Amino acid sequence: MSSVCLISERFNSNYVFVLQVKLLGEGADDAGGVFDAIMTEMCDELLNGSVKLLIPTPNNVNDAGFNRDRFLLNPQLTSEEDLYQFRFLGKLI
């Protein structure tokens, strides 16, 4: 699935965040299913490691203790592009 994401950050002095996705080469009328599919794909990419913003907790890695199903922000990502992606993630949340 190819997509282009745009964020609009300000509307009449109130912060309004809009996610606009354009599916390239796809025809779709959204009655909720397309949006759900895009959000599911984004979450899968965050959790499966293809996007490196999140890392599993140490307990997940060692398969011990609590919070094995949790993720942490990756502290090794510090470039401008990384910070932009963290801001984008924060806006989605």
PDB file of N, CA and C in Angstrom:
ATOM      1  N   MET A   1       0.844  -1.164   0.000  1.00  0.00           N
ATOM      2  CA  MET A   1       0.000   0.000   0.000  1.00  0.00           C
ATOM      3  C   MET A   1       0.891   1.229   0.000  1.00  0.00           C
ATOM      4  N   SER A   2       0.810   2.050  -1.002  1.00  0.00           N
ATOM      5  CA  SER A   2       1.576   3.285  -1.059  1.00  0.00           C
ATOM      6  C   SER A   2       0.705   4.419  -0.559  1.00  0.00           C
ATOM      7  N   SER A   3       1.307   5.342   0.170  1.00  0.00           N
ATOM      8  CA  SER A   3       0.514   6.456   0.660  1.00  0.00           C
ATOM      9  C   SER A   3       1.381   7.679   0.848  1.00  0.00           C
ATOM     10  N   VAL A   4       0.722   8.817   0.818  1.00  0.00           N
ATOM     11  CA  VAL A   4       1.359  10.085   1.108  1.00  0.00           C
ATOM     12  C   VAL A   4       0.590  10.687   2.261  1.00  0.00           C
ATOM     13  N   CYS A   5       1.265  11.067   3.338  1.00  0.00           N
ATOM     14  CA  CYS A   5       0.591  11.605   4.512  1.00  0.00           C
ATOM     15  C   CYS A   5       0.922  13.078   4.665  1.00  0.00           C
ATOM     16  N   LEU A   6      -0.086  13.881   4.866  1.00  0.00           N
ATOM     17  CA  LEU A   6       0.077  15.306   5.096  1.00  0.00           C
ATOM     18  C   LEU A   6      -0.561  15.650   6.431  1.00  0.00           C
ATOM     19  N   ILE A   7       0.048  16.570   7.156  1.00  0.00           N
ATOM     20  CA  ILE A   7      -0.512  16.993   8.440  1.00  0.00           C
ATOM     21  C   ILE A   7      -0.760  18.498   8.376  1.00  0.00           C
ATOM     22  N   SER A   8      -1.933  18.910   8.759  1.00  0.00           N
ATOM     23  CA  SER A   8      -2.245  20.319   8.913  1.00  0.00           C
ATOM     24  C   SER A   8      -2.259  20.607  10.401  1.00  0.00           C
ATOM     25  N   GLU A   9      -1.472  21.597  10.843  1.00  0.00           N
ATOM     26  CA  GLU A   9      -1.278  21.757  12.275  1.00  0.00           C
ATOM     27  C   GLU A   9      -2.067  22.898  12.911  1.00  0.00           C
ATOM     28  N   ARG A  10      -2.615  23.800  12.167  1.00  0.00           N
ATOM     29  CA  ARG A  10      -3.272  24.928  12.812  1.00  0.00           C
ATOM     30  C   ARG A  10      -4.509  25.333  12.025  1.00  0.00           C
ATOM     31  N   PHE A  11      -5.573  25.632  12.750  1.00  0.00           N
ATOM     32  CA  PHE A  11      -6.806  26.091  12.123  1.00  0.00           C
ATOM     33  C   PHE A  11      -7.466  27.072  13.071  1.00  0.00           C
ATOM     34  N   ASN A  12      -7.534  28.348  12.687  1.00  0.00           N
ATOM     35  CA  ASN A  12      -8.181  29.391  13.493  1.00  0.00           C
ATOM     36  C   ASN A  12      -7.686  29.431  14.936  1.00  0.00           C
ATOM     37  N   SER A  13      -6.408  29.449  15.139  1.00  0.00           N
ATOM     38  CA  SER A  13      -5.729  29.524  16.433  1.00  0.00           C
ATOM     39  C   SER A  13      -5.978  28.324  17.344  1.00  0.00           C
ATOM     40  N   ASN A  14      -6.801  27.381  16.915  1.00  0.00           N
ATOM     41  CA  ASN A  14      -6.963  26.122  17.637  1.00  0.00           C
ATOM     42  C   ASN A  14      -6.140  25.072  16.908  1.00  0.00           C
ATOM     43  N   TYR A  15      -5.525  24.211  17.657  1.00  0.00           N
ATOM     44  CA  TYR A  15      -4.759  23.164  17.012  1.00  0.00           C
ATOM     45  C   TYR A  15      -5.693  22.053  16.569  1.00  0.00           C
ATOM     46  N   VAL A  16      -5.674  21.798  15.282  1.00  0.00           N
ATOM     47  CA  VAL A  16      -6.462  20.720  14.701  1.00  0.00           C
ATOM     48  C   VAL A  16      -5.507  19.894  13.855  1.00  0.00           C
ATOM     49  N   PHE A  17      -5.454  18.612  14.112  1.00  0.00           N
ATOM     50  CA  PHE A  17      -4.566  17.744  13.368  1.00  0.00           C
ATOM     51  C   PHE A  17      -5.382  16.907  12.414  1.00  0.00           C
ATOM     52  N   VAL A  18      -5.001  16.978  11.162  1.00  0.00           N
ATOM     53  CA  VAL A  18      -5.717  16.259  10.117  1.00  0.00           C
ATOM     54  C   VAL A  18      -4.737  15.326   9.431  1.00  0.00           C
ATOM     55  N   LEU A  19      -5.119  14.104   9.294  1.00  0.00           N
ATOM     56  CA  LEU A  19      -4.322  13.140   8.548  1.00  0.00           C
ATOM     57  C   LEU A  19      -5.015  12.919   7.223  1.00  0.00           C
ATOM     58  N   GLN A  20      -4.328  13.255   6.174  1.00  0.00           N
ATOM     59  CA  GLN A  20      -4.866  13.031   4.843  1.00  0.00           C
ATOM     60  C   GLN A  20      -3.963  12.020   4.156  1.00  0.00           C
ATOM     61  N   VAL A  21      -4.527  10.943   3.703  1.00  0.00           N
ATOM     62  CA  VAL A  21      -3.775   9.890   3.042  1.00  0.00           C
ATOM     63  C   VAL A  21      -4.281   9.742   1.628  1.00  0.00           C
ATOM     64  N   LYS A  22      -3.366   9.755   0.700  1.00  0.00           N
ATOM     65  CA  LYS A  22      -3.717   9.535  -0.699  1.00  0.00           C
ATOM     66  C   LYS A  22      -3.130   8.188  -1.096  1.00  0.00           C
ATOM     67  N   LEU A  23      -3.984   7.261  -1.451  1.00  0.00           N
ATOM     68  CA  LEU A  23      -3.530   5.937  -1.866  1.00  0.00           C
ATOM     69  C   LEU A  23      -3.188   5.995  -3.349  1.00  0.00           C
ATOM     70  N   LEU A  24      -1.948   5.759  -3.667  1.00  0.00           N
ATOM     71  CA  LEU A  24      -1.500   5.807  -5.046  1.00  0.00           C
ATOM     72  C   LEU A  24      -1.789   4.480  -5.720  1.00  0.00           C
ATOM     73  N   GLY A  25      -2.475   4.529  -6.838  1.00  0.00           N
ATOM     74  CA  GLY A  25      -2.785   3.306  -7.572  1.00  0.00           C
ATOM     75  C   GLY A  25      -3.880   2.475  -6.931  1.00  0.00           C
ATOM     76  N   GLU A  26      -4.638   3.058  -6.030  1.00  0.00           N
ATOM     77  CA  GLU A  26      -5.708   2.345  -5.335  1.00  0.00           C
ATOM     78  C   GLU A  26      -6.998   3.132  -5.517  1.00  0.00           C
ATOM     79  N   GLY A  27      -8.083   2.446  -5.746  1.00  0.00           N
ATOM     80  CA  GLY A  27      -9.385   3.085  -5.770  1.00  0.00           C
ATOM     81  C   GLY A  27     -10.133   2.674  -4.527  1.00  0.00           C
ATOM     82  N   ALA A  28     -10.599   3.646  -3.743  1.00  0.00           N
ATOM     83  CA  ALA A  28     -11.293   3.293  -2.511  1.00  0.00           C
ATOM     84  C   ALA A  28     -12.248   4.405  -2.116  1.00  0.00           C
ATOM     85  N   ASP A  29     -13.438   4.014  -1.708  1.00  0.00           N
ATOM     86  CA  ASP A  29     -14.388   4.921  -1.079  1.00  0.00           C
ATOM     87  C   ASP A  29     -14.417   4.537   0.387  1.00  0.00           C
ATOM     88  N   ASP A  30     -14.159   5.515   1.246  1.00  0.00           N
ATOM     89  CA  ASP A  30     -14.015   5.186   2.662  1.00  0.00           C
ATOM     90  C   ASP A  30     -15.344   5.286   3.397  1.00  0.00           C
ATOM     91  N   ALA A  31     -15.753   4.177   3.961  1.00  0.00           N
ATOM     92  CA  ALA A  31     -16.880   4.151   4.886  1.00  0.00           C
ATOM     93  C   ALA A  31     -16.349   3.677   6.238  1.00  0.00           C
ATOM     94  N   GLY A  32     -15.056   3.941   6.478  1.00  0.00           N
ATOM     95  CA  GLY A  32     -14.408   3.534   7.722  1.00  0.00           C
ATOM     96  C   GLY A  32     -13.397   2.425   7.529  1.00  0.00           C
ATOM     97  N   GLY A  33     -13.596   1.575   6.533  1.00  0.00           N
ATOM     98  CA  GLY A  33     -12.712   0.435   6.327  1.00  0.00           C
ATOM     99  C   GLY A  33     -11.328   0.821   5.853  1.00  0.00           C
ATOM    100  N   VAL A  34     -11.241   1.779   4.940  1.00  0.00           N
ATOM    101  CA  VAL A  34      -9.937   2.209   4.417  1.00  0.00           C
ATOM    102  C   VAL A  34      -9.139   2.880   5.526  1.00  0.00           C
ATOM    103  N   PHE A  35      -9.788   3.747   6.297  1.00  0.00           N
ATOM    104  CA  PHE A  35      -9.111   4.409   7.416  1.00  0.00           C
ATOM    105  C   PHE A  35      -8.605   3.374   8.408  1.00  0.00           C
ATOM    106  N   ASP A  36      -9.450   2.414   8.756  1.00  0.00           N
ATOM    107  CA  ASP A  36      -9.045   1.354   9.686  1.00  0.00           C
ATOM    108  C   ASP A  36      -7.849   0.575   9.157  1.00  0.00           C
ATOM    109  N   ALA A  37      -7.862   0.268   7.863  1.00  0.00           N
ATOM    110  CA  ALA A  37      -6.766  -0.492   7.261  1.00  0.00           C
ATOM    111  C   ALA A  37      -5.459   0.295   7.320  1.00  0.00           C
ATOM    112  N   ILE A  38      -5.525   1.592   7.059  1.00  0.00           N
ATOM    113  CA  ILE A  38      -4.323   2.431   7.088  1.00  0.00           C
ATOM    114  C   ILE A  38      -3.778   2.533   8.510  1.00  0.00           C
ATOM    115  N   MET A  39      -4.658   2.754   9.481  1.00  0.00           N
ATOM    116  CA  MET A  39      -4.211   2.854  10.869  1.00  0.00           C
ATOM    117  C   MET A  39      -3.631   1.524  11.356  1.00  0.00           C
ATOM    118  N   THR A  40      -4.251   0.416  10.968  1.00  0.00           N
ATOM    119  CA  THR A  40      -3.739  -0.902  11.340  1.00  0.00           C
ATOM    120  C   THR A  40      -2.358  -1.124  10.750  1.00  0.00           C
ATOM    121  N   GLU A  41      -2.178  -0.756   9.491  1.00  0.00           N
ATOM    122  CA  GLU A  41      -0.872  -0.900   8.830  1.00  0.00           C
ATOM    123  C   GLU A  41       0.190  -0.053   9.529  1.00  0.00           C
ATOM    124  N   MET A  42      -0.168   1.183   9.897  1.00  0.00           N
ATOM    125  CA  MET A  42       0.777   2.061  10.587  1.00  0.00           C
ATOM    126  C   MET A  42       1.175   1.465  11.939  1.00  0.00           C
ATOM    127  N   CYS A  43       0.214   0.958  12.685  1.00  0.00           N
ATOM    128  CA  CYS A  43       0.511   0.350  13.996  1.00  0.00           C
ATOM    129  C   CYS A  43       1.369  -0.900  13.836  1.00  0.00           C
ATOM    130  N   ASP A  44       1.041  -1.714  12.845  1.00  0.00           N
ATOM    131  CA  ASP A  44       1.849  -2.919  12.595  1.00  0.00           C
ATOM    132  C   ASP A  44       3.298  -2.549  12.302  1.00  0.00           C
ATOM    133  N   GLU A  45       3.511  -1.518  11.485  1.00  0.00           N
ATOM    134  CA  GLU A  45       4.875  -1.105  11.145  1.00  0.00           C
ATOM    135  C   GLU A  45       5.620  -0.577  12.365  1.00  0.00           C
ATOM    136  N   LEU A  46       4.916   0.086  13.272  1.00  0.00           N
ATOM    137  CA  LEU A  46       5.554   0.567  14.504  1.00  0.00           C
ATOM    138  C   LEU A  46       5.969  -0.589  15.408  1.00  0.00           C
ATOM    139  N   LEU A  47       5.134  -1.615  15.483  1.00  0.00           N
ATOM    140  CA  LEU A  47       5.375  -2.695  16.430  1.00  0.00           C
ATOM    141  C   LEU A  47       6.231  -3.840  15.890  1.00  0.00           C
ATOM    142  N   ASN A  48       6.289  -3.992  14.562  1.00  0.00           N
ATOM    143  CA  ASN A  48       7.066  -5.121  14.028  1.00  0.00           C
ATOM    144  C   ASN A  48       8.520  -4.763  13.726  1.00  0.00           C
ATOM    145  N   GLY A  49       8.905  -3.515  13.964  1.00  0.00           N
ATOM    146  CA  GLY A  49      10.299  -3.128  13.799  1.00  0.00           C
ATOM    147  C   GLY A  49      10.650  -2.535  12.453  1.00  0.00           C
ATOM    148  N   SER A  50       9.711  -2.477  11.514  1.00  0.00           N
ATOM    149  CA  SER A  50      10.054  -1.886  10.220  1.00  0.00           C
ATOM    150  C   SER A  50      10.209  -0.364  10.329  1.00  0.00           C
ATOM    151  N   VAL A  51       9.591   0.235  11.322  1.00  0.00           N
ATOM    152  CA  VAL A  51       9.843   1.633  11.683  1.00  0.00           C
ATOM    153  C   VAL A  51      10.482   1.575  13.066  1.00  0.00           C
ATOM    154  N   LYS A  52      11.635   2.166  13.222  1.00  0.00           N
ATOM    155  CA  LYS A  52      12.455   1.973  14.426  1.00  0.00           C
ATOM    156  C   LYS A  52      12.145   2.952  15.562  1.00  0.00           C
ATOM    157  N   LEU A  53      10.993   3.634  15.533  1.00  0.00           N
ATOM    158  CA  LEU A  53      10.681   4.608  16.571  1.00  0.00           C
ATOM    159  C   LEU A  53      10.458   3.965  17.935  1.00  0.00           C
ATOM    160  N   LEU A  54       9.916   2.774  17.946  1.00  0.00           N
ATOM    161  CA  LEU A  54       9.620   2.081  19.195  1.00  0.00           C
ATOM    162  C   LEU A  54      10.470   0.823  19.311  1.00  0.00           C
ATOM    163  N   ILE A  55      10.867   0.524  20.543  1.00  0.00           N
ATOM    164  CA  ILE A  55      11.626  -0.699  20.810  1.00  0.00           C
ATOM    165  C   ILE A  55      10.911  -1.463  21.928  1.00  0.00           C
ATOM    166  N   PRO A  56      11.027  -2.782  21.939  1.00  0.00           N
ATOM    167  CA  PRO A  56      10.407  -3.558  23.020  1.00  0.00           C
ATOM    168  C   PRO A  56      11.074  -3.257  24.362  1.00  0.00           C
ATOM    169  N   THR A  57      10.315  -3.399  25.427  1.00  0.00           N
ATOM    170  CA  THR A  57      10.884  -3.200  26.763  1.00  0.00           C
ATOM    171  C   THR A  57      11.944  -4.270  27.034  1.00  0.00           C
ATOM    172  N   PRO A  58      12.866  -3.996  27.953  1.00  0.00           N
ATOM    173  CA  PRO A  58      13.847  -5.026  28.317  1.00  0.00           C
ATOM    174  C   PRO A  58      13.186  -6.317  28.791  1.00  0.00           C
ATOM    175  N   ASN A  59      12.063  -6.221  29.498  1.00  0.00           N
ATOM    176  CA  ASN A  59      11.371  -7.431  29.939  1.00  0.00           C
ATOM    177  C   ASN A  59      10.835  -8.232  28.754  1.00  0.00           C
ATOM    178  N   ASN A  60      10.442  -7.548  27.693  1.00  0.00           N
ATOM    179  CA  ASN A  60      10.004  -8.240  26.487  1.00  0.00           C
ATOM    180  C   ASN A  60      11.173  -8.988  25.869  1.00  0.00           C
ATOM    181  N   VAL A  61      12.300  -8.320  25.754  1.00  0.00           N
ATOM    182  CA  VAL A  61      13.493  -8.918  25.140  1.00  0.00           C
ATOM    183  C   VAL A  61      13.959 -10.128  25.938  1.00  0.00           C
ATOM    184  N   ASN A  62      13.913 -10.026  27.276  1.00  0.00           N
ATOM    185  CA  ASN A  62      14.393 -11.104  28.143  1.00  0.00           C
ATOM    186  C   ASN A  62      13.302 -12.098  28.530  1.00  0.00           C
ATOM    187  N   ASP A  63      12.084 -11.845  28.073  1.00  0.00           N
ATOM    188  CA  ASP A  63      10.937 -12.716  28.356  1.00  0.00           C
ATOM    189  C   ASP A  63      10.798 -12.993  29.853  1.00  0.00           C
ATOM    190  N   ALA A  64      10.830 -11.893  30.634  1.00  0.00           N
ATOM    191  CA  ALA A  64      10.719 -12.027  32.089  1.00  0.00           C
ATOM    192  C   ALA A  64      10.005 -10.808  32.665  1.00  0.00           C
ATOM    193  N   GLY A  65       9.300 -10.996  33.751  1.00  0.00           N
ATOM    194  CA  GLY A  65       8.707  -9.879  34.475  1.00  0.00           C
ATOM    195  C   GLY A  65       7.470  -9.303  33.812  1.00  0.00           C
ATOM    196  N   PHE A  66       7.142  -8.097  34.258  1.00  0.00           N
ATOM    197  CA  PHE A  66       5.953  -7.394  33.782  1.00  0.00           C
ATOM    198  C   PHE A  66       6.269  -6.540  32.557  1.00  0.00           C
ATOM    199  N   ASN A  67       5.215  -6.034  31.927  1.00  0.00           N
ATOM    200  CA  ASN A  67       5.313  -5.090  30.797  1.00  0.00           C
ATOM    201  C   ASN A  67       6.022  -5.676  29.573  1.00  0.00           C
ATOM    202  N   ARG A  68       5.864  -6.957  29.375  1.00  0.00           N
ATOM    203  CA  ARG A  68       6.460  -7.589  28.192  1.00  0.00           C
ATOM    204  C   ARG A  68       5.719  -7.192  26.922  1.00  0.00           C
ATOM    205  N   ASP A  69       4.514  -6.689  27.065  1.00  0.00           N
ATOM    206  CA  ASP A  69       3.720  -6.301  25.902  1.00  0.00           C
ATOM    207  C   ASP A  69       3.822  -4.802  25.614  1.00  0.00           C
ATOM    208  N   ARG A  70       4.776  -4.120  26.202  1.00  0.00           N
ATOM    209  CA  ARG A  70       4.933  -2.675  26.059  1.00  0.00           C
ATOM    210  C   ARG A  70       6.129  -2.337  25.169  1.00  0.00           C
ATOM    211  N   PHE A  71       6.131  -1.082  24.730  1.00  0.00           N
ATOM    212  CA  PHE A  71       7.224  -0.575  23.908  1.00  0.00           C
ATOM    213  C   PHE A  71       7.687   0.761  24.459  1.00  0.00           C
ATOM    214  N   LEU A  72       8.940   1.099  24.188  1.00  0.00           N
ATOM    215  CA  LEU A  72       9.546   2.361  24.621  1.00  0.00           C
ATOM    216  C   LEU A  72       9.961   3.159  23.399  1.00  0.00           C
ATOM    217  N   LEU A  73      10.070   4.477  23.570  1.00  0.00           N
ATOM    218  CA  LEU A  73      10.640   5.294  22.502  1.00  0.00           C
ATOM    219  C   LEU A  73      12.113   4.922  22.360  1.00  0.00           C
ATOM    220  N   ASN A  74      12.573   4.842  21.136  1.00  0.00           N
ATOM    221  CA  ASN A  74      13.959   4.454  20.873  1.00  0.00           C
ATOM    222  C   ASN A  74      14.889   5.635  21.153  1.00  0.00           C
ATOM    223  N   PRO A  75      15.695   5.584  22.222  1.00  0.00           N
ATOM    224  CA  PRO A  75      16.554   6.719  22.583  1.00  0.00           C
ATOM    225  C   PRO A  75      17.728   6.929  21.631  1.00  0.00           C
ATOM    226  N   GLN A  76      17.999   5.983  20.752  1.00  0.00           N
ATOM    227  CA  GLN A  76      19.111   6.125  19.813  1.00  0.00           C
ATOM    228  C   GLN A  76      18.758   7.004  18.620  1.00  0.00           C
ATOM    229  N   LEU A  77      17.479   7.296  18.428  1.00  0.00           N
ATOM    230  CA  LEU A  77      17.053   8.097  17.287  1.00  0.00           C
ATOM    231  C   LEU A  77      17.037   9.572  17.679  1.00  0.00           C
ATOM    232  N   THR A  78      18.000  10.333  17.171  1.00  0.00           N
ATOM    233  CA  THR A  78      18.141  11.732  17.582  1.00  0.00           C
ATOM    234  C   THR A  78      18.288  12.701  16.416  1.00  0.00           C
ATOM    235  N   SER A  79      18.249  12.224  15.189  1.00  0.00           N
ATOM    236  CA  SER A  79      18.416  13.120  14.041  1.00  0.00           C
ATOM    237  C   SER A  79      17.173  13.990  13.872  1.00  0.00           C
ATOM    238  N   GLU A  80      17.275  15.020  13.068  1.00  0.00           N
ATOM    239  CA  GLU A  80      16.125  15.891  12.784  1.00  0.00           C
ATOM    240  C   GLU A  80      14.970  15.094  12.193  1.00  0.00           C
ATOM    241  N   GLU A  81      15.272  14.185  11.288  1.00  0.00           N
ATOM    242  CA  GLU A  81      14.236  13.339  10.678  1.00  0.00           C
ATOM    243  C   GLU A  81      13.574  12.454  11.727  1.00  0.00           C
ATOM    244  N   ASP A  82      14.375  11.892  12.621  1.00  0.00           N
ATOM    245  CA  ASP A  82      13.831  11.064  13.704  1.00  0.00           C
ATOM    246  C   ASP A  82      12.895  11.878  14.588  1.00  0.00           C
ATOM    247  N   LEU A  83      13.325  13.081  14.960  1.00  0.00           N
ATOM    248  CA  LEU A  83      12.510  13.935  15.824  1.00  0.00           C
ATOM    249  C   LEU A  83      11.209  14.331  15.126  1.00  0.00           C
ATOM    250  N   TYR A  84      11.274  14.586  13.825  1.00  0.00           N
ATOM    251  CA  TYR A  84      10.067  14.878  13.052  1.00  0.00           C
ATOM    252  C   TYR A  84       9.112  13.682  13.110  1.00  0.00           C
ATOM    253  N   GLN A  85       9.637  12.474  12.963  1.00  0.00           N
ATOM    254  CA  GLN A  85       8.797  11.281  13.016  1.00  0.00           C
ATOM    255  C   GLN A  85       8.199  11.079  14.409  1.00  0.00           C
ATOM    256  N   PHE A  86       8.957  11.381  15.464  1.00  0.00           N
ATOM    257  CA  PHE A  86       8.414  11.299  16.822  1.00  0.00           C
ATOM    258  C   PHE A  86       7.274  12.307  17.011  1.00  0.00           C
ATOM    259  N   ARG A  87       7.456  13.523  16.476  1.00  0.00           N
ATOM    260  CA  ARG A  87       6.384  14.523  16.572  1.00  0.00           C
ATOM    261  C   ARG A  87       5.146  14.052  15.830  1.00  0.00           C
ATOM    262  N   PHE A  88       5.342  13.464  14.647  1.00  0.00           N
ATOM    263  CA  PHE A  88       4.226  12.949  13.873  1.00  0.00           C
ATOM    264  C   PHE A  88       3.500  11.848  14.659  1.00  0.00           C
ATOM    265  N   LEU A  89       4.249  10.942  15.273  1.00  0.00           N
ATOM    266  CA  LEU A  89       3.667   9.898  16.089  1.00  0.00           C
ATOM    267  C   LEU A  89       2.866  10.487  17.243  1.00  0.00           C
ATOM    268  N   GLY A  90       3.416  11.497  17.885  1.00  0.00           N
ATOM    269  CA  GLY A  90       2.703  12.159  18.977  1.00  0.00           C
ATOM    270  C   GLY A  90       1.402  12.775  18.522  1.00  0.00           C
ATOM    271  N   LYS A  91       1.382  13.342  17.338  1.00  0.00           N
ATOM    272  CA  LYS A  91       0.152  13.925  16.802  1.00  0.00           C
ATOM    273  C   LYS A  91      -0.888  12.859  16.512  1.00  0.00           C
ATOM    274  N   LEU A  92      -0.436  11.715  16.061  1.00  0.00           N
ATOM    275  CA  LEU A  92      -1.378  10.620  15.796  1.00  0.00           C
ATOM    276  C   LEU A  92      -2.007  10.107  17.085  1.00  0.00           C
ATOM    277  N   ILE A  93      -1.197  10.076  18.137  1.00  0.00           N
ATOM    278  CA  ILE A  93      -1.693   9.577  19.415  1.00  0.00           C
ATOM    279  C   ILE A  93      -2.670  10.575  19.988  1.00  0.00           C
TER     280      ILE A  93
END
